[in-house]
N, C-alpha and C. Protein backbone atom coordinates (compact mmCIF):
# COMPACT_ATOMS: atom_id res chain seq x y z
N MET A 1 -43.24 55.28 -24.60
CA MET A 1 -43.49 53.99 -24.04
C MET A 1 -42.30 53.05 -24.19
N GLU A 2 -41.55 53.29 -25.16
CA GLU A 2 -40.41 52.41 -25.37
C GLU A 2 -39.43 52.47 -24.21
N PRO A 3 -39.09 53.63 -23.65
CA PRO A 3 -38.16 53.64 -22.53
C PRO A 3 -38.71 52.88 -21.34
N LYS A 4 -39.99 52.96 -21.10
CA LYS A 4 -40.55 52.20 -19.99
C LYS A 4 -40.46 50.71 -20.25
N ALA A 5 -40.69 50.27 -21.48
CA ALA A 5 -40.61 48.85 -21.82
C ALA A 5 -39.18 48.35 -21.65
N ALA A 6 -38.21 49.15 -22.01
CA ALA A 6 -36.80 48.77 -21.86
C ALA A 6 -36.45 48.66 -20.39
N MET A 7 -37.00 49.55 -19.58
CA MET A 7 -36.72 49.51 -18.16
C MET A 7 -37.37 48.30 -17.51
N ALA A 8 -38.52 47.93 -17.97
CA ALA A 8 -39.22 46.79 -17.39
C ALA A 8 -38.52 45.49 -17.72
N SER A 9 -37.91 45.39 -18.89
CA SER A 9 -37.28 44.14 -19.30
C SER A 9 -35.89 43.97 -18.69
N SER A 10 -35.20 45.02 -18.34
CA SER A 10 -33.86 44.87 -17.74
C SER A 10 -34.00 44.87 -16.22
N PRO A 11 -33.37 43.91 -15.56
CA PRO A 11 -33.49 43.83 -14.10
C PRO A 11 -32.72 44.96 -13.45
N PRO A 12 -33.17 45.38 -12.29
CA PRO A 12 -32.44 46.42 -11.57
C PRO A 12 -31.03 45.91 -11.22
N PRO A 13 -30.10 46.80 -10.97
CA PRO A 13 -28.72 46.39 -10.69
C PRO A 13 -28.63 45.42 -9.51
N HIS A 14 -29.44 45.59 -8.52
CA HIS A 14 -29.40 44.72 -7.35
C HIS A 14 -29.76 43.28 -7.73
N GLU A 15 -30.76 43.11 -8.56
CA GLU A 15 -31.16 41.76 -9.00
C GLU A 15 -30.08 41.13 -9.85
N GLY A 16 -29.39 41.91 -10.64
CA GLY A 16 -28.29 41.40 -11.47
C GLY A 16 -27.16 40.86 -10.61
N GLN A 17 -26.87 41.54 -9.53
CA GLN A 17 -25.82 41.07 -8.62
C GLN A 17 -26.24 39.76 -7.95
N LEU A 18 -27.52 39.69 -7.58
CA LEU A 18 -28.01 38.46 -6.97
C LEU A 18 -27.93 37.29 -7.95
N LEU A 19 -28.25 37.57 -9.21
CA LEU A 19 -28.18 36.54 -10.24
C LEU A 19 -26.73 36.08 -10.43
N GLN A 20 -25.80 37.02 -10.45
CA GLN A 20 -24.38 36.66 -10.60
C GLN A 20 -23.90 35.85 -9.40
N ARG A 21 -24.31 36.24 -8.22
CA ARG A 21 -23.92 35.49 -7.02
C ARG A 21 -24.51 34.09 -7.04
N SER A 22 -25.75 34.01 -7.48
CA SER A 22 -26.40 32.70 -7.56
C SER A 22 -25.67 31.80 -8.55
N GLU A 23 -25.31 32.36 -9.70
CA GLU A 23 -24.55 31.59 -10.69
C GLU A 23 -23.19 31.19 -10.14
N ALA A 24 -22.53 32.10 -9.46
CA ALA A 24 -21.22 31.81 -8.88
C ALA A 24 -21.34 30.71 -7.82
N ASN A 25 -22.39 30.80 -6.99
CA ASN A 25 -22.61 29.77 -5.98
C ASN A 25 -22.89 28.42 -6.63
N SER A 26 -23.67 28.45 -7.70
CA SER A 26 -23.98 27.21 -8.41
C SER A 26 -22.71 26.60 -9.01
N GLN A 27 -21.88 27.44 -9.62
CA GLN A 27 -20.63 26.94 -10.20
C GLN A 27 -19.70 26.42 -9.10
N LEU A 28 -19.65 27.14 -8.00
CA LEU A 28 -18.81 26.71 -6.88
C LEU A 28 -19.31 25.38 -6.33
N SER A 29 -20.62 25.24 -6.20
CA SER A 29 -21.18 23.98 -5.72
C SER A 29 -20.83 22.84 -6.66
N THR A 30 -20.90 23.09 -7.96
CA THR A 30 -20.54 22.07 -8.94
C THR A 30 -19.08 21.68 -8.81
N ILE A 31 -18.22 22.68 -8.64
CA ILE A 31 -16.78 22.41 -8.50
C ILE A 31 -16.52 21.59 -7.23
N VAL A 32 -17.15 21.98 -6.13
CA VAL A 32 -16.96 21.27 -4.87
C VAL A 32 -17.47 19.83 -5.00
N PHE A 33 -18.61 19.64 -5.64
CA PHE A 33 -19.16 18.31 -5.82
C PHE A 33 -18.22 17.46 -6.67
N ASP A 34 -17.74 18.02 -7.79
CA ASP A 34 -16.81 17.28 -8.66
C ASP A 34 -15.54 16.93 -7.91
N LEU A 35 -15.03 17.87 -7.14
CA LEU A 35 -13.82 17.62 -6.37
C LEU A 35 -14.04 16.52 -5.34
N SER A 36 -15.19 16.56 -4.68
CA SER A 36 -15.47 15.53 -3.68
C SER A 36 -15.61 14.16 -4.34
N GLN A 37 -16.16 14.10 -5.54
CA GLN A 37 -16.26 12.84 -6.28
C GLN A 37 -14.86 12.32 -6.62
N GLN A 38 -13.98 13.23 -7.04
CA GLN A 38 -12.61 12.83 -7.37
C GLN A 38 -11.87 12.34 -6.14
N VAL A 39 -12.06 13.03 -5.02
CA VAL A 39 -11.41 12.62 -3.77
C VAL A 39 -11.92 11.25 -3.34
N GLN A 40 -13.23 11.04 -3.46
CA GLN A 40 -13.80 9.75 -3.09
C GLN A 40 -13.25 8.65 -3.97
N ALA A 41 -13.15 8.88 -5.27
CA ALA A 41 -12.59 7.89 -6.19
C ALA A 41 -11.13 7.61 -5.85
N ALA A 42 -10.38 8.65 -5.54
CA ALA A 42 -8.97 8.47 -5.17
C ALA A 42 -8.85 7.66 -3.89
N MET A 43 -9.72 7.93 -2.93
CA MET A 43 -9.68 7.18 -1.67
C MET A 43 -10.04 5.72 -1.89
N GLU A 44 -11.01 5.45 -2.75
CA GLU A 44 -11.37 4.07 -3.07
C GLU A 44 -10.20 3.36 -3.73
N ASN A 45 -9.51 4.04 -4.64
CA ASN A 45 -8.33 3.46 -5.28
C ASN A 45 -7.23 3.19 -4.27
N MET A 46 -7.03 4.12 -3.34
CA MET A 46 -6.01 3.92 -2.31
C MET A 46 -6.37 2.73 -1.42
N LEU A 47 -7.66 2.58 -1.11
CA LEU A 47 -8.10 1.46 -0.29
C LEU A 47 -7.83 0.14 -1.01
N LYS A 48 -8.10 0.11 -2.32
CA LYS A 48 -7.79 -1.09 -3.10
C LYS A 48 -6.30 -1.39 -3.06
N MET A 49 -5.48 -0.36 -3.23
CA MET A 49 -4.03 -0.56 -3.21
C MET A 49 -3.56 -1.02 -1.83
N ILE A 50 -4.15 -0.48 -0.78
CA ILE A 50 -3.79 -0.90 0.58
C ILE A 50 -4.11 -2.37 0.77
N ASN A 51 -5.29 -2.80 0.29
CA ASN A 51 -5.66 -4.20 0.41
C ASN A 51 -4.71 -5.09 -0.38
N GLU A 52 -4.32 -4.66 -1.58
CA GLU A 52 -3.36 -5.43 -2.38
C GLU A 52 -2.01 -5.51 -1.67
N ILE A 53 -1.59 -4.40 -1.09
CA ILE A 53 -0.32 -4.40 -0.35
C ILE A 53 -0.39 -5.35 0.83
N ASP A 54 -1.51 -5.32 1.55
CA ASP A 54 -1.69 -6.23 2.69
C ASP A 54 -1.61 -7.68 2.24
N GLU A 55 -2.29 -8.01 1.14
CA GLU A 55 -2.26 -9.38 0.63
C GLU A 55 -0.84 -9.77 0.23
N ASN A 56 -0.16 -8.88 -0.48
CA ASN A 56 1.21 -9.17 -0.91
C ASN A 56 2.15 -9.30 0.28
N SER A 57 2.00 -8.41 1.26
CA SER A 57 2.89 -8.48 2.41
C SER A 57 2.65 -9.75 3.22
N THR A 58 1.41 -10.20 3.27
CA THR A 58 1.11 -11.45 3.95
C THR A 58 1.82 -12.60 3.25
N GLY A 59 1.75 -12.62 1.92
CA GLY A 59 2.45 -13.66 1.16
C GLY A 59 3.95 -13.59 1.36
N ILE A 60 4.48 -12.39 1.39
CA ILE A 60 5.93 -12.21 1.59
C ILE A 60 6.32 -12.68 2.99
N MET A 61 5.53 -12.33 3.99
CA MET A 61 5.84 -12.75 5.36
C MET A 61 5.78 -14.27 5.49
N GLU A 62 4.83 -14.90 4.81
CA GLU A 62 4.76 -16.36 4.83
C GLU A 62 6.00 -16.95 4.17
N GLY A 63 6.42 -16.35 3.05
CA GLY A 63 7.63 -16.81 2.37
C GLY A 63 8.86 -16.66 3.25
N ILE A 64 8.96 -15.54 3.95
CA ILE A 64 10.10 -15.32 4.86
C ILE A 64 10.09 -16.36 5.98
N ALA A 65 8.91 -16.64 6.52
CA ALA A 65 8.80 -17.63 7.60
C ALA A 65 9.23 -19.01 7.10
N LYS A 66 8.82 -19.36 5.87
CA LYS A 66 9.23 -20.66 5.31
C LYS A 66 10.74 -20.70 5.11
N CYS A 67 11.31 -19.62 4.60
CA CYS A 67 12.76 -19.57 4.40
C CYS A 67 13.50 -19.69 5.73
N LYS A 68 12.96 -19.03 6.75
CA LYS A 68 13.58 -19.10 8.07
C LYS A 68 13.53 -20.53 8.60
N ASP A 69 12.38 -21.18 8.46
CA ASP A 69 12.25 -22.57 8.89
C ASP A 69 13.22 -23.47 8.13
N ASN A 70 13.31 -23.25 6.81
CA ASN A 70 14.24 -24.05 6.00
C ASN A 70 15.68 -23.81 6.43
N ALA A 71 16.03 -22.56 6.72
CA ALA A 71 17.39 -22.24 7.16
C ALA A 71 17.70 -22.91 8.50
N LEU A 72 16.74 -22.89 9.42
CA LEU A 72 16.95 -23.54 10.71
C LEU A 72 17.10 -25.05 10.55
N GLU A 73 16.29 -25.62 9.68
CA GLU A 73 16.39 -27.06 9.40
C GLU A 73 17.74 -27.40 8.78
N ARG A 74 18.18 -26.57 7.85
CA ARG A 74 19.48 -26.78 7.20
C ARG A 74 20.61 -26.63 8.21
N ARG A 75 20.49 -25.67 9.11
CA ARG A 75 21.51 -25.48 10.15
C ARG A 75 21.60 -26.71 11.04
N LYS A 76 20.45 -27.22 11.41
CA LYS A 76 20.42 -28.42 12.25
C LYS A 76 21.10 -29.59 11.54
N THR A 77 20.78 -29.76 10.26
CA THR A 77 21.38 -30.84 9.48
C THR A 77 22.90 -30.66 9.39
N LEU A 78 23.35 -29.43 9.14
CA LEU A 78 24.79 -29.16 9.05
C LEU A 78 25.49 -29.40 10.38
N GLU A 79 24.84 -29.03 11.48
CA GLU A 79 25.42 -29.29 12.80
C GLU A 79 25.57 -30.79 13.04
N GLU A 80 24.55 -31.56 12.65
CA GLU A 80 24.62 -33.02 12.80
C GLU A 80 25.74 -33.59 11.94
N GLN A 81 25.85 -33.11 10.70
CA GLN A 81 26.91 -33.59 9.82
C GLN A 81 28.28 -33.21 10.38
N LYS A 82 28.39 -32.02 10.95
CA LYS A 82 29.66 -31.58 11.55
C LYS A 82 30.04 -32.50 12.70
N GLU A 83 29.07 -32.80 13.57
CA GLU A 83 29.34 -33.69 14.70
C GLU A 83 29.77 -35.07 14.22
N ASN A 84 29.07 -35.59 13.22
CA ASN A 84 29.42 -36.92 12.68
C ASN A 84 30.82 -36.90 12.07
N PHE A 85 31.15 -35.83 11.36
CA PHE A 85 32.47 -35.72 10.75
C PHE A 85 33.55 -35.64 11.83
N GLN A 86 33.28 -34.85 12.89
CA GLN A 86 34.26 -34.74 13.98
C GLN A 86 34.45 -36.09 14.68
N LYS A 87 33.35 -36.80 14.90
CA LYS A 87 33.45 -38.13 15.53
C LYS A 87 34.29 -39.06 14.66
N ALA A 88 34.03 -39.02 13.35
CA ALA A 88 34.79 -39.87 12.43
C ALA A 88 36.26 -39.47 12.44
N ALA A 89 36.54 -38.19 12.45
CA ALA A 89 37.93 -37.72 12.46
C ALA A 89 38.63 -38.14 13.74
N PHE A 90 37.97 -38.01 14.89
CA PHE A 90 38.58 -38.44 16.16
C PHE A 90 38.78 -39.95 16.18
N THR A 91 37.83 -40.67 15.61
CA THR A 91 37.98 -42.13 15.54
C THR A 91 39.20 -42.50 14.71
N VAL A 92 39.38 -41.85 13.58
CA VAL A 92 40.54 -42.11 12.72
C VAL A 92 41.82 -41.74 13.47
N LEU A 93 41.83 -40.61 14.16
CA LEU A 93 43.01 -40.22 14.93
C LEU A 93 43.32 -41.23 16.03
N ASP A 94 42.28 -41.71 16.71
CA ASP A 94 42.47 -42.74 17.75
C ASP A 94 43.07 -44.00 17.15
N ILE A 95 42.56 -44.42 16.01
CA ILE A 95 43.06 -45.63 15.35
C ILE A 95 44.53 -45.44 14.98
N LEU A 96 44.84 -44.29 14.40
CA LEU A 96 46.24 -44.02 14.01
C LEU A 96 47.15 -43.94 15.24
N ASN A 97 46.69 -43.34 16.32
CA ASN A 97 47.49 -43.25 17.54
C ASN A 97 47.69 -44.62 18.17
N ASN A 98 46.70 -45.49 18.13
CA ASN A 98 46.80 -46.82 18.72
C ASN A 98 47.71 -47.72 17.89
N LYS A 99 47.82 -47.50 16.60
CA LYS A 99 48.70 -48.30 15.76
C LYS A 99 50.16 -47.98 16.08
N ASP A 100 50.41 -46.76 16.44
CA ASP A 100 51.79 -46.35 16.72
C ASP A 100 52.30 -46.94 18.03
N ILE A 101 51.43 -47.32 18.92
CA ILE A 101 51.85 -47.82 20.23
C ILE A 101 52.25 -49.23 20.15
């Protein structure tokens, strides 16, 4: 009776293979799930970084626009000063030329 009891308690080879496949599938499913969770977390982090980059680039673009406006304003002021200086220089030259006559 003992050999029959031993045979009854051990699964046939076919069932053992099914059990191994089931375990392998379960482990594979766990790995795929964990990997998908990691990918999702990485994508969320990338989205946060993209939003931060967008915010920073917006601030930088605003700063560049302000600098450009300031440079144009400064150029205009320098052009006006140049014209005034040239007028003054020509006036002085005219005065000096008229004194000589």
